[in-house]
Full PDB file with SEQRES, HELIX, SHEET, SSBOND, CRYST1, ORIGX, SCALE, CONECT and MASTER records, all heavy atoms in Angstrom:
SEQRES   1 A   37  PHE PHE ILE ASP GLU GLU ALA GLU ARG THR THR TRP LEU          
SEQRES   2 A   37  HIS PRO ALA THR GLY GLU ALA VAL ILE SER GLY HIS ARG          
SEQRES   3 A   37  LYS THR PRO ASP LEU PRO THR GLY TRP GLU GLU                  
SHEET    1 AA1 2 PHE A   2  ASP A   4  0                                        
SHEET    2 AA1 2 ARG A   9  THR A  11 -1                                        
CRYST1    1.000    1.000    1.000  90.00  90.00  90.00 P 1           1          
ORIGX1      1.000000  0.000000  0.000000        0.00000                         
ORIGX2      0.000000  1.000000  0.000000        0.00000                         
ORIGX3      0.000000  0.000000  1.000000        0.00000                         
SCALE1      1.000000  0.000000  0.000000        0.00000                         
SCALE2      0.000000  1.000000  0.000000        0.00000                         
SCALE3      0.000000  0.000000  1.000000        0.00000                         
ATOM      1  N   PHE A   1       1.141  12.712  -3.343  1.00  0.00           N  
ATOM      2  CA  PHE A   1       1.337  13.619  -4.474  1.00  0.00           C  
ATOM      3  C   PHE A   1       0.178  13.443  -5.446  1.00  0.00           C  
ATOM      4  O   PHE A   1      -0.604  12.498  -5.345  1.00  0.00           O  
ATOM      5  CB  PHE A   1       2.694  13.371  -5.159  1.00  0.00           C  
ATOM      6  CG  PHE A   1       2.845  12.006  -5.784  1.00  0.00           C  
ATOM      7  CD1 PHE A   1       2.575  11.797  -7.126  1.00  0.00           C  
ATOM      8  CD2 PHE A   1       3.269  10.923  -5.018  1.00  0.00           C  
ATOM      9  CE1 PHE A   1       2.727  10.538  -7.698  1.00  0.00           C  
ATOM     10  CE2 PHE A   1       3.425   9.669  -5.576  1.00  0.00           C  
ATOM     11  CZ  PHE A   1       3.153   9.475  -6.920  1.00  0.00           C  
ATOM     12  N   PHE A   2       0.057  14.377  -6.370  1.00  0.00           N  
ATOM     13  CA  PHE A   2      -1.066  14.390  -7.296  1.00  0.00           C  
ATOM     14  C   PHE A   2      -0.571  14.348  -8.725  1.00  0.00           C  
ATOM     15  O   PHE A   2       0.456  14.934  -9.055  1.00  0.00           O  
ATOM     16  CB  PHE A   2      -1.939  15.628  -7.043  1.00  0.00           C  
ATOM     17  CG  PHE A   2      -2.476  15.631  -5.640  1.00  0.00           C  
ATOM     18  CD1 PHE A   2      -1.813  16.304  -4.634  1.00  0.00           C  
ATOM     19  CD2 PHE A   2      -3.607  14.905  -5.320  1.00  0.00           C  
ATOM     20  CE1 PHE A   2      -2.272  16.275  -3.326  1.00  0.00           C  
ATOM     21  CE2 PHE A   2      -4.077  14.863  -4.026  1.00  0.00           C  
ATOM     22  CZ  PHE A   2      -3.408  15.551  -3.021  1.00  0.00           C  
ATOM     23  N   ILE A   3      -1.311  13.633  -9.580  1.00  0.00           N  
ATOM     24  CA  ILE A   3      -0.924  13.393 -10.961  1.00  0.00           C  
ATOM     25  C   ILE A   3      -1.994  13.957 -11.885  1.00  0.00           C  
ATOM     26  O   ILE A   3      -3.158  13.559 -11.792  1.00  0.00           O  
ATOM     27  CB  ILE A   3      -0.793  11.882 -11.219  1.00  0.00           C  
ATOM     28  CG1 ILE A   3       0.130  11.242 -10.180  1.00  0.00           C  
ATOM     29  CG2 ILE A   3      -0.329  11.614 -12.647  1.00  0.00           C  
ATOM     30  CD1 ILE A   3      -0.114   9.758 -10.001  1.00  0.00           C  
ATOM     31  N   ASP A   4      -1.587  14.878 -12.752  1.00  0.00           N  
ATOM     32  CA  ASP A   4      -2.485  15.374 -13.796  1.00  0.00           C  
ATOM     33  C   ASP A   4      -2.208  14.497 -15.011  1.00  0.00           C  
ATOM     34  O   ASP A   4      -1.215  14.693 -15.719  1.00  0.00           O  
ATOM     35  CB  ASP A   4      -2.218  16.839 -14.100  1.00  0.00           C  
ATOM     36  CG  ASP A   4      -3.162  17.405 -15.146  1.00  0.00           C  
ATOM     37  OD1 ASP A   4      -3.827  16.613 -15.853  1.00  0.00           O  
ATOM     38  OD2 ASP A   4      -3.220  18.637 -15.269  1.00  0.00           O  
ATOM     39  N   GLU A   5      -3.051  13.505 -15.230  1.00  0.00           N  
ATOM     40  CA  GLU A   5      -2.809  12.534 -16.288  1.00  0.00           C  
ATOM     41  C   GLU A   5      -2.938  13.146 -17.676  1.00  0.00           C  
ATOM     42  O   GLU A   5      -2.283  12.707 -18.614  1.00  0.00           O  
ATOM     43  CB  GLU A   5      -3.734  11.331 -16.111  1.00  0.00           C  
ATOM     44  CG  GLU A   5      -3.398  10.570 -14.835  1.00  0.00           C  
ATOM     45  CD  GLU A   5      -4.363   9.464 -14.510  1.00  0.00           C  
ATOM     46  OE1 GLU A   5      -5.478   9.429 -15.073  1.00  0.00           O  
ATOM     47  OE2 GLU A   5      -3.986   8.617 -13.674  1.00  0.00           O  
ATOM     48  N   GLU A   6      -3.743  14.177 -17.805  1.00  0.00           N  
ATOM     49  CA  GLU A   6      -3.914  14.837 -19.103  1.00  0.00           C  
ATOM     50  C   GLU A   6      -2.660  15.628 -19.486  1.00  0.00           C  
ATOM     51  O   GLU A   6      -2.171  15.538 -20.600  1.00  0.00           O  
ATOM     52  CB  GLU A   6      -5.135  15.763 -19.048  1.00  0.00           C  
ATOM     53  CG  GLU A   6      -5.500  16.362 -20.376  1.00  0.00           C  
ATOM     54  CD  GLU A   6      -6.790  17.154 -20.267  1.00  0.00           C  
ATOM     55  OE1 GLU A   6      -7.831  16.536 -19.959  1.00  0.00           O  
ATOM     56  OE2 GLU A   6      -6.746  18.375 -20.471  1.00  0.00           O  
ATOM     57  N   ALA A   7      -2.121  16.393 -18.549  1.00  0.00           N  
ATOM     58  CA  ALA A   7      -0.939  17.219 -18.810  1.00  0.00           C  
ATOM     59  C   ALA A   7       0.367  16.456 -18.551  1.00  0.00           C  
ATOM     60  O   ALA A   7       1.444  16.973 -18.822  1.00  0.00           O  
ATOM     61  CB  ALA A   7      -0.979  18.477 -17.940  1.00  0.00           C  
ATOM     62  N   GLU A   8       0.266  15.244 -18.005  1.00  0.00           N  
ATOM     63  CA  GLU A   8       1.417  14.408 -17.678  1.00  0.00           C  
ATOM     64  C   GLU A   8       2.408  15.130 -16.768  1.00  0.00           C  
ATOM     65  O   GLU A   8       3.592  15.272 -17.070  1.00  0.00           O  
ATOM     66  CB  GLU A   8       2.107  13.921 -18.952  1.00  0.00           C  
ATOM     67  CG  GLU A   8       1.216  13.043 -19.794  1.00  0.00           C  
ATOM     68  CD  GLU A   8       1.890  12.532 -21.050  1.00  0.00           C  
ATOM     69  OE1 GLU A   8       3.003  12.966 -21.376  1.00  0.00           O  
ATOM     70  OE2 GLU A   8       1.272  11.674 -21.709  1.00  0.00           O  
ATOM     71  N   ARG A   9       1.896  15.602 -15.620  1.00  0.00           N  
ATOM     72  CA  ARG A   9       2.746  16.268 -14.635  1.00  0.00           C  
ATOM     73  C   ARG A   9       2.286  15.890 -13.235  1.00  0.00           C  
ATOM     74  O   ARG A   9       1.171  15.403 -13.046  1.00  0.00           O  
ATOM     75  CB  ARG A   9       2.721  17.785 -14.813  1.00  0.00           C  
ATOM     76  CG  ARG A   9       1.384  18.418 -14.504  1.00  0.00           C  
ATOM     77  CD  ARG A   9       1.405  19.925 -14.767  1.00  0.00           C  
ATOM     78  NE  ARG A   9       0.115  20.493 -14.438  1.00  0.00           N  
ATOM     79  CZ  ARG A   9      -0.163  21.109 -13.292  1.00  0.00           C  
ATOM     80  NH1 ARG A   9       0.755  21.250 -12.377  1.00  0.00           N  
ATOM     81  NH2 ARG A   9      -1.352  21.603 -13.073  1.00  0.00           N  
ATOM     82  N   THR A  10       3.162  16.100 -12.273  1.00  0.00           N  
ATOM     83  CA  THR A  10       2.836  15.812 -10.877  1.00  0.00           C  
ATOM     84  C   THR A  10       3.088  17.044 -10.015  1.00  0.00           C  
ATOM     85  O   THR A  10       3.821  17.948 -10.409  1.00  0.00           O  
ATOM     86  CB  THR A  10       3.680  14.642 -10.327  1.00  0.00           C  
ATOM     87  OG1 THR A  10       5.065  15.008 -10.386  1.00  0.00           O  
ATOM     88  CG2 THR A  10       3.428  13.365 -11.093  1.00  0.00           C  
ATOM     89  N   THR A  11       2.481  17.049  -8.840  1.00  0.00           N  
ATOM     90  CA  THR A  11       2.658  18.140  -7.890  1.00  0.00           C  
ATOM     91  C   THR A  11       2.394  17.623  -6.480  1.00  0.00           C  
ATOM     92  O   THR A  11       1.665  16.656  -6.298  1.00  0.00           O  
ATOM     93  CB  THR A  11       1.714  19.326  -8.204  1.00  0.00           C  
ATOM     94  OG1 THR A  11       1.936  20.371  -7.246  1.00  0.00           O  
ATOM     95  CG2 THR A  11       0.250  18.921  -8.172  1.00  0.00           C  
ATOM     96  N   TRP A  12       3.011  18.283  -5.503  1.00  0.00           N  
ATOM     97  CA  TRP A  12       2.751  17.963  -4.094  1.00  0.00           C  
ATOM     98  C   TRP A  12       1.468  18.646  -3.630  1.00  0.00           C  
ATOM     99  O   TRP A  12       0.919  18.309  -2.589  1.00  0.00           O  
ATOM    100  CB  TRP A  12       3.898  18.428  -3.204  1.00  0.00           C  
ATOM    101  CG  TRP A  12       5.190  17.737  -3.469  1.00  0.00           C  
ATOM    102  CD1 TRP A  12       6.325  18.304  -3.986  1.00  0.00           C  
ATOM    103  CD2 TRP A  12       5.508  16.364  -3.247  1.00  0.00           C  
ATOM    104  NE1 TRP A  12       7.308  17.355  -4.097  1.00  0.00           N  
ATOM    105  CE2 TRP A  12       6.838  16.157  -3.644  1.00  0.00           C  
ATOM    106  CE3 TRP A  12       4.788  15.280  -2.752  1.00  0.00           C  
ATOM    107  CZ2 TRP A  12       7.469  14.921  -3.556  1.00  0.00           C  
ATOM    108  CZ3 TRP A  12       5.412  14.039  -2.670  1.00  0.00           C  
ATOM    109  CH2 TRP A  12       6.737  13.867  -3.064  1.00  0.00           C  
ATOM    110  N   LEU A  13       0.979  19.644  -4.388  1.00  0.00           N  
ATOM    111  CA  LEU A  13      -0.170  20.448  -3.968  1.00  0.00           C  
ATOM    112  C   LEU A  13      -1.468  19.911  -4.564  1.00  0.00           C  
ATOM    113  O   LEU A  13      -1.533  19.584  -5.750  1.00  0.00           O  
ATOM    114  CB  LEU A  13       0.041  21.902  -4.384  1.00  0.00           C  
ATOM    115  CG  LEU A  13       1.348  22.535  -3.895  1.00  0.00           C  
ATOM    116  CD1 LEU A  13       1.462  23.959  -4.398  1.00  0.00           C  
ATOM    117  CD2 LEU A  13       1.453  22.469  -2.387  1.00  0.00           C  
ATOM    118  N   HIS A  14      -2.506  19.849  -3.733  1.00  0.00           N  
ATOM    119  CA  HIS A  14      -3.816  19.387  -4.189  1.00  0.00           C  
ATOM    120  C   HIS A  14      -4.311  20.309  -5.299  1.00  0.00           C  
ATOM    121  O   HIS A  14      -4.266  21.537  -5.157  1.00  0.00           O  
ATOM    122  CB  HIS A  14      -4.800  19.393  -3.011  1.00  0.00           C  
ATOM    123  CG  HIS A  14      -6.068  18.688  -3.297  1.00  0.00           C  
ATOM    124  ND1 HIS A  14      -7.043  19.216  -4.105  1.00  0.00           N  
ATOM    125  CD2 HIS A  14      -6.509  17.470  -2.900  1.00  0.00           C  
ATOM    126  CE1 HIS A  14      -8.051  18.380  -4.185  1.00  0.00           C  
ATOM    127  NE2 HIS A  14      -7.749  17.295  -3.455  1.00  0.00           N  
ATOM    128  N   PRO A  15      -4.783  19.764  -6.419  1.00  0.00           N  
ATOM    129  CA  PRO A  15      -5.184  20.609  -7.551  1.00  0.00           C  
ATOM    130  C   PRO A  15      -6.369  21.523  -7.271  1.00  0.00           C  
ATOM    131  O   PRO A  15      -6.494  22.578  -7.888  1.00  0.00           O  
ATOM    132  CB  PRO A  15      -5.515  19.594  -8.647  1.00  0.00           C  
ATOM    133  CG  PRO A  15      -5.779  18.317  -7.931  1.00  0.00           C  
ATOM    134  CD  PRO A  15      -4.930  18.350  -6.705  1.00  0.00           C  
ATOM    135  N   ALA A  16      -7.230  21.182  -6.347  1.00  0.00           N  
ATOM    136  CA  ALA A  16      -8.400  22.010  -6.043  1.00  0.00           C  
ATOM    137  C   ALA A  16      -8.108  23.038  -4.950  1.00  0.00           C  
ATOM    138  O   ALA A  16      -8.571  24.166  -5.017  1.00  0.00           O  
ATOM    139  CB  ALA A  16      -9.581  21.139  -5.638  1.00  0.00           C  
ATOM    140  N   THR A  17      -7.317  22.644  -3.940  1.00  0.00           N  
ATOM    141  CA  THR A  17      -7.088  23.541  -2.803  1.00  0.00           C  
ATOM    142  C   THR A  17      -5.764  24.279  -2.867  1.00  0.00           C  
ATOM    143  O   THR A  17      -5.588  25.290  -2.201  1.00  0.00           O  
ATOM    144  CB  THR A  17      -7.113  22.758  -1.472  1.00  0.00           C  
ATOM    145  OG1 THR A  17      -5.991  21.864  -1.439  1.00  0.00           O  
ATOM    146  CG2 THR A  17      -8.406  21.988  -1.301  1.00  0.00           C  
ATOM    147  N   GLY A  18      -4.801  23.757  -3.634  1.00  0.00           N  
ATOM    148  CA  GLY A  18      -3.474  24.374  -3.699  1.00  0.00           C  
ATOM    149  C   GLY A  18      -2.644  24.111  -2.455  1.00  0.00           C  
ATOM    150  O   GLY A  18      -1.618  24.744  -2.249  1.00  0.00           O  
ATOM    151  N   GLU A  19      -3.080  23.177  -1.621  1.00  0.00           N  
ATOM    152  CA  GLU A  19      -2.360  22.874  -0.381  1.00  0.00           C  
ATOM    153  C   GLU A  19      -1.807  21.461  -0.414  1.00  0.00           C  
ATOM    154  O   GLU A  19      -2.384  20.569  -1.039  1.00  0.00           O  
ATOM    155  CB  GLU A  19      -3.293  23.012   0.819  1.00  0.00           C  
ATOM    156  CG  GLU A  19      -3.804  24.415   1.029  1.00  0.00           C  
ATOM    157  CD  GLU A  19      -4.758  24.515   2.204  1.00  0.00           C  
ATOM    158  OE1 GLU A  19      -4.997  23.492   2.871  1.00  0.00           O  
ATOM    159  OE2 GLU A  19      -5.273  25.609   2.442  1.00  0.00           O  
ATOM    160  N   ALA A  20      -0.693  21.261   0.277  1.00  0.00           N  
ATOM    161  CA  ALA A  20      -0.129  19.921   0.410  1.00  0.00           C  
ATOM    162  C   ALA A  20      -0.978  19.116   1.376  1.00  0.00           C  
ATOM    163  O   ALA A  20      -1.576  19.672   2.298  1.00  0.00           O  
ATOM    164  CB  ALA A  20       1.306  20.005   0.919  1.00  0.00           C  
ATOM    165  N   VAL A  21      -1.061  17.822   1.152  1.00  0.00           N  
ATOM    166  CA  VAL A  21      -1.757  16.939   2.082  1.00  0.00           C  
ATOM    167  C   VAL A  21      -0.756  16.563   3.157  1.00  0.00           C  
ATOM    168  O   VAL A  21       0.282  15.974   2.882  1.00  0.00           O  
ATOM    169  CB  VAL A  21      -2.300  15.685   1.371  1.00  0.00           C  
ATOM    170  CG1 VAL A  21      -2.848  14.698   2.382  1.00  0.00           C  
ATOM    171  CG2 VAL A  21      -3.364  16.078   0.377  1.00  0.00           C  
ATOM    172  N   ILE A  22      -1.061  16.939   4.370  1.00  0.00           N  
ATOM    173  CA  ILE A  22      -0.166  16.664   5.486  1.00  0.00           C  
ATOM    174  C   ILE A  22      -0.605  15.358   6.135  1.00  0.00           C  
ATOM    175  O   ILE A  22      -1.702  15.256   6.668  1.00  0.00           O  
ATOM    176  CB  ILE A  22      -0.204  17.816   6.525  1.00  0.00           C  
ATOM    177  CG1 ILE A  22       0.064  19.154   5.843  1.00  0.00           C  
ATOM    178  CG2 ILE A  22       0.781  17.543   7.646  1.00  0.00           C  
ATOM    179  CD1 ILE A  22       1.367  19.253   5.098  1.00  0.00           C  
ATOM    180  N   SER A  23       0.278  14.387   6.065  1.00  0.00           N  
ATOM    181  CA  SER A  23      -0.067  13.097   6.650  1.00  0.00           C  
ATOM    182  C   SER A  23       0.559  12.914   8.028  1.00  0.00           C  
ATOM    183  O   SER A  23       0.474  11.855   8.603  1.00  0.00           O  
ATOM    184  CB  SER A  23       0.335  11.947   5.720  1.00  0.00           C  
ATOM    185  OG  SER A  23       1.693  12.020   5.407  1.00  0.00           O  
ATOM    186  N   GLY A  24       1.186  13.965   8.550  1.00  0.00           N  
ATOM    187  CA  GLY A  24       1.714  13.924   9.910  1.00  0.00           C  
ATOM    188  C   GLY A  24       3.179  13.562   9.983  1.00  0.00           C  
ATOM    189  O   GLY A  24       3.839  13.372   8.983  1.00  0.00           O  
ATOM    190  N   HIS A  25       3.679  13.497  11.180  1.00  0.00           N  
ATOM    191  CA  HIS A  25       5.072  13.137  11.417  1.00  0.00           C  
ATOM    192  C   HIS A  25       5.222  11.637  11.303  1.00  0.00           C  
ATOM    193  O   HIS A  25       4.336  10.886  11.670  1.00  0.00           O  
ATOM    194  CB  HIS A  25       5.514  13.585  12.804  1.00  0.00           C  
ATOM    195  CG  HIS A  25       5.362  15.042  13.024  1.00  0.00           C  
ATOM    196  ND1 HIS A  25       5.389  15.596  14.260  1.00  0.00           N  
ATOM    197  CD2 HIS A  25       5.178  16.076  12.172  1.00  0.00           C  
ATOM    198  CE1 HIS A  25       5.228  16.907  14.169  1.00  0.00           C  
ATOM    199  NE2 HIS A  25       5.095  17.208  12.911  1.00  0.00           N  
ATOM    200  N   ARG A  26       6.366  11.236  10.823  1.00  0.00           N  
ATOM    201  CA  ARG A  26       6.637   9.815  10.678  1.00  0.00           C  
ATOM    202  C   ARG A  26       7.990   9.472  11.263  1.00  0.00           C  
ATOM    203  O   ARG A  26       8.943  10.202  11.108  1.00  0.00           O  
ATOM    204  CB  ARG A  26       6.637   9.423   9.201  1.00  0.00           C  
ATOM    205  CG  ARG A  26       5.267   9.360   8.619  1.00  0.00           C  
ATOM    206  CD  ARG A  26       5.346   9.012   7.163  1.00  0.00           C  
ATOM    207  NE  ARG A  26       5.961  10.063   6.381  1.00  0.00           N  
ATOM    208  CZ  ARG A  26       5.365  11.197   6.054  1.00  0.00           C  
ATOM    209  NH1 ARG A  26       4.163  11.440   6.481  1.00  0.00           N  
ATOM    210  NH2 ARG A  26       5.972  12.082   5.319  1.00  0.00           N  
ATOM    211  N   LYS A  27       8.047   8.326  11.890  1.00  0.00           N  
ATOM    212  CA  LYS A  27       9.325   7.759  12.290  1.00  0.00           C  
ATOM    213  C   LYS A  27       9.747   6.850  11.148  1.00  0.00           C  
ATOM    214  O   LYS A  27       8.968   6.009  10.708  1.00  0.00           O  
ATOM    215  CB  LYS A  27       9.200   6.958  13.583  1.00  0.00           C  
ATOM    216  CG  LYS A  27       8.847   7.804  14.776  1.00  0.00           C  
ATOM    217  CD  LYS A  27       8.736   6.953  16.015  1.00  0.00           C  
ATOM    218  CE  LYS A  27       8.327   7.833  17.188  1.00  0.00           C  
ATOM    219  NZ  LYS A  27       8.146   7.063  18.412  1.00  0.00           N  
ATOM    220  N   THR A  28      10.946   7.045  10.654  1.00  0.00           N  
ATOM    221  CA  THR A  28      11.423   6.201   9.567  1.00  0.00           C  
ATOM    222  C   THR A  28      12.701   5.500   9.987  1.00  0.00           C  
ATOM    223  O   THR A  28      13.474   6.038  10.785  1.00  0.00           O  
ATOM    224  CB  THR A  28      11.670   7.026   8.290  1.00  0.00           C  
ATOM    225  OG1 THR A  28      12.647   8.021   8.571  1.00  0.00           O  
ATOM    226  CG2 THR A  28      10.406   7.698   7.798  1.00  0.00           C  
ATOM    227  N   PRO A  29      12.945   4.318   9.471  1.00  0.00           N  
ATOM    228  CA  PRO A  29      14.110   3.549   9.908  1.00  0.00           C  
ATOM    229  C   PRO A  29      15.447   4.196   9.559  1.00  0.00           C  
ATOM    230  O   PRO A  29      16.452   3.884  10.182  1.00  0.00           O  
ATOM    231  CB  PRO A  29      13.939   2.209   9.189  1.00  0.00           C  
ATOM    232  CG  PRO A  29      12.961   2.434   8.115  1.00  0.00           C  
ATOM    233  CD  PRO A  29      12.129   3.621   8.506  1.00  0.00           C  
ATOM    234  N   ASP A  30      15.473   5.098   8.583  1.00  0.00           N  
ATOM    235  CA  ASP A  30      16.743   5.712   8.195  1.00  0.00           C  
ATOM    236  C   ASP A  30      17.095   6.943   9.035  1.00  0.00           C  
ATOM    237  O   ASP A  30      18.158   7.520   8.850  1.00  0.00           O  
ATOM    238  CB  ASP A  30      16.738   6.065   6.706  1.00  0.00           C  
ATOM    239  CG  ASP A  30      15.601   6.996   6.328  1.00  0.00           C  
ATOM    240  OD1 ASP A  30      14.536   6.928   6.961  1.00  0.00           O  
ATOM    241  OD2 ASP A  30      15.775   7.777   5.373  1.00  0.00           O  
ATOM    242  N   LEU A  31      16.230   7.341   9.983  1.00  0.00           N  
ATOM    243  CA  LEU A  31      16.528   8.479  10.853  1.00  0.00           C  
ATOM    244  C   LEU A  31      17.141   7.989  12.161  1.00  0.00           C  
ATOM    245  O   LEU A  31      16.821   6.904  12.637  1.00  0.00           O  
ATOM    246  CB  LEU A  31      15.251   9.267  11.162  1.00  0.00           C  
ATOM    247  CG  LEU A  31      14.619  10.026   9.999  1.00  0.00           C  
ATOM    248  CD1 LEU A  31      13.317  10.675  10.452  1.00  0.00           C  
ATOM    249  CD2 LEU A  31      15.570  11.062   9.458  1.00  0.00           C  
ATOM    250  N   PRO A  32      17.999   8.810  12.771  1.00  0.00           N  
ATOM    251  CA  PRO A  32      18.557   8.430  14.069  1.00  0.00           C  
ATOM    252  C   PRO A  32      17.456   8.307  15.125  1.00  0.00           C  
ATOM    253  O   PRO A  32      16.392   8.922  15.000  1.00  0.00           O  
ATOM    254  CB  PRO A  32      19.485   9.598  14.413  1.00  0.00           C  
ATOM    255  CG  PRO A  32      19.723  10.311  13.129  1.00  0.00           C  
ATOM    256  CD  PRO A  32      18.512  10.072  12.280  1.00  0.00           C  
ATOM    257  N   THR A  33      17.717   7.538  16.159  1.00  0.00           N  
ATOM    258  CA  THR A  33      16.768   7.366  17.255  1.00  0.00           C  
ATOM    259  C   THR A  33      16.367   8.724  17.819  1.00  0.00           C  
ATOM    260  O   THR A  33      17.209   9.585  18.030  1.00  0.00           O  
ATOM    261  CB  THR A  33      17.402   6.509  18.375  1.00  0.00           C  
ATOM    262  OG1 THR A  33      17.770   5.257  17.807  1.00  0.00           O  
ATOM    263  CG2 THR A  33      16.423   6.301  19.524  1.00  0.00           C  
ATOM    264  N   GLY A  34      15.069   8.915  18.038  1.00  0.00           N  
ATOM    265  CA  GLY A  34      14.574  10.163  18.612  1.00  0.00           C  
ATOM    266  C   GLY A  34      14.217  11.234  17.599  1.00  0.00           C  
ATOM    267  O   GLY A  34      13.777  12.312  17.965  1.00  0.00           O  
ATOM    268  N   TRP A  35      14.374  10.966  16.327  1.00  0.00           N  
ATOM    269  CA  TRP A  35      14.044  11.945  15.288  1.00  0.00           C  
ATOM    270  C   TRP A  35      12.826  11.487  14.499  1.00  0.00           C  
ATOM    271  O   TRP A  35      12.628  10.308  14.254  1.00  0.00           O  
ATOM    272  CB  TRP A  35      15.221  12.130  14.339  1.00  0.00           C  
ATOM    273  CG  TRP A  35      16.320  12.934  14.939  1.00  0.00           C  
ATOM    274  CD1 TRP A  35      17.343  12.454  15.694  1.00  0.00           C  
ATOM    275  CD2 TRP A  35      16.498  14.345  14.849  1.00  0.00           C  
ATOM    276  NE1 TRP A  35      18.156  13.492  16.080  1.00  0.00           N  
ATOM    277  CE2 TRP A  35      17.667  14.669  15.575  1.00  0.00           C  
ATOM    278  CE3 TRP A  35      15.791  15.377  14.237  1.00  0.00           C  
ATOM    279  CZ2 TRP A  35      18.135  15.961  15.699  1.00  0.00           C  
ATOM    280  CZ3 TRP A  35      16.267  16.666  14.350  1.00  0.00           C  
ATOM    281  CH2 TRP A  35      17.421  16.951  15.071  1.00  0.00           C  
ATOM    282  N   GLU A  36      11.996  12.453  14.092  1.00  0.00           N  
ATOM    283  CA  GLU A  36      10.849  12.204  13.232  1.00  0.00           C  
ATOM    284  C   GLU A  36      10.894  13.164  12.063  1.00  0.00           C  
ATOM    285  O   GLU A  36      11.534  14.208  12.125  1.00  0.00           O  
ATOM    286  CB  GLU A  36       9.536  12.388  14.000  1.00  0.00           C  
ATOM    287  CG  GLU A  36       9.313  11.366  15.084  1.00  0.00           C  
ATOM    288  CD  GLU A  36       7.976  11.539  15.774  1.00  0.00           C  
ATOM    289  OE1 GLU A  36       7.175  12.400  15.348  1.00  0.00           O  
ATOM    290  OE2 GLU A  36       7.726  10.800  16.734  1.00  0.00           O  
ATOM    291  N   GLU A  37      10.163  12.814  11.026  1.00  0.00           N  
ATOM    292  CA  GLU A  37      10.105  13.614   9.816  1.00  0.00           C  
ATOM    293  C   GLU A  37       8.728  14.253   9.723  1.00  0.00           C  
ATOM    294  O   GLU A  37       7.729  13.615  10.047  1.00  0.00           O  
ATOM    295  CB  GLU A  37      10.347  12.671   8.646  1.00  0.00           C  
ATOM    296  CG  GLU A  37      10.340  13.279   7.297  1.00  0.00           C  
ATOM    297  CD  GLU A  37      10.637  12.204   6.265  1.00  0.00           C  
ATOM    298  OE1 GLU A  37       9.742  11.375   6.005  1.00  0.00           O  
ATOM    299  OE2 GLU A  37      11.756  12.188   5.760  1.00  0.00           O  
TER     300      GLU A  37                                                      
MASTER        0    0    0    0    2    0    0    6  299    1    0    3          
END                                                                             
């Protein structure tokens, strides 16, 4: 996520591109076996 320290706000979208940074699928311990996020 991105933080505009001057305006004191956050966003999931990159401030220059307007797009979310996709870091890929993740396996997390709280998901059932065989599921990814």
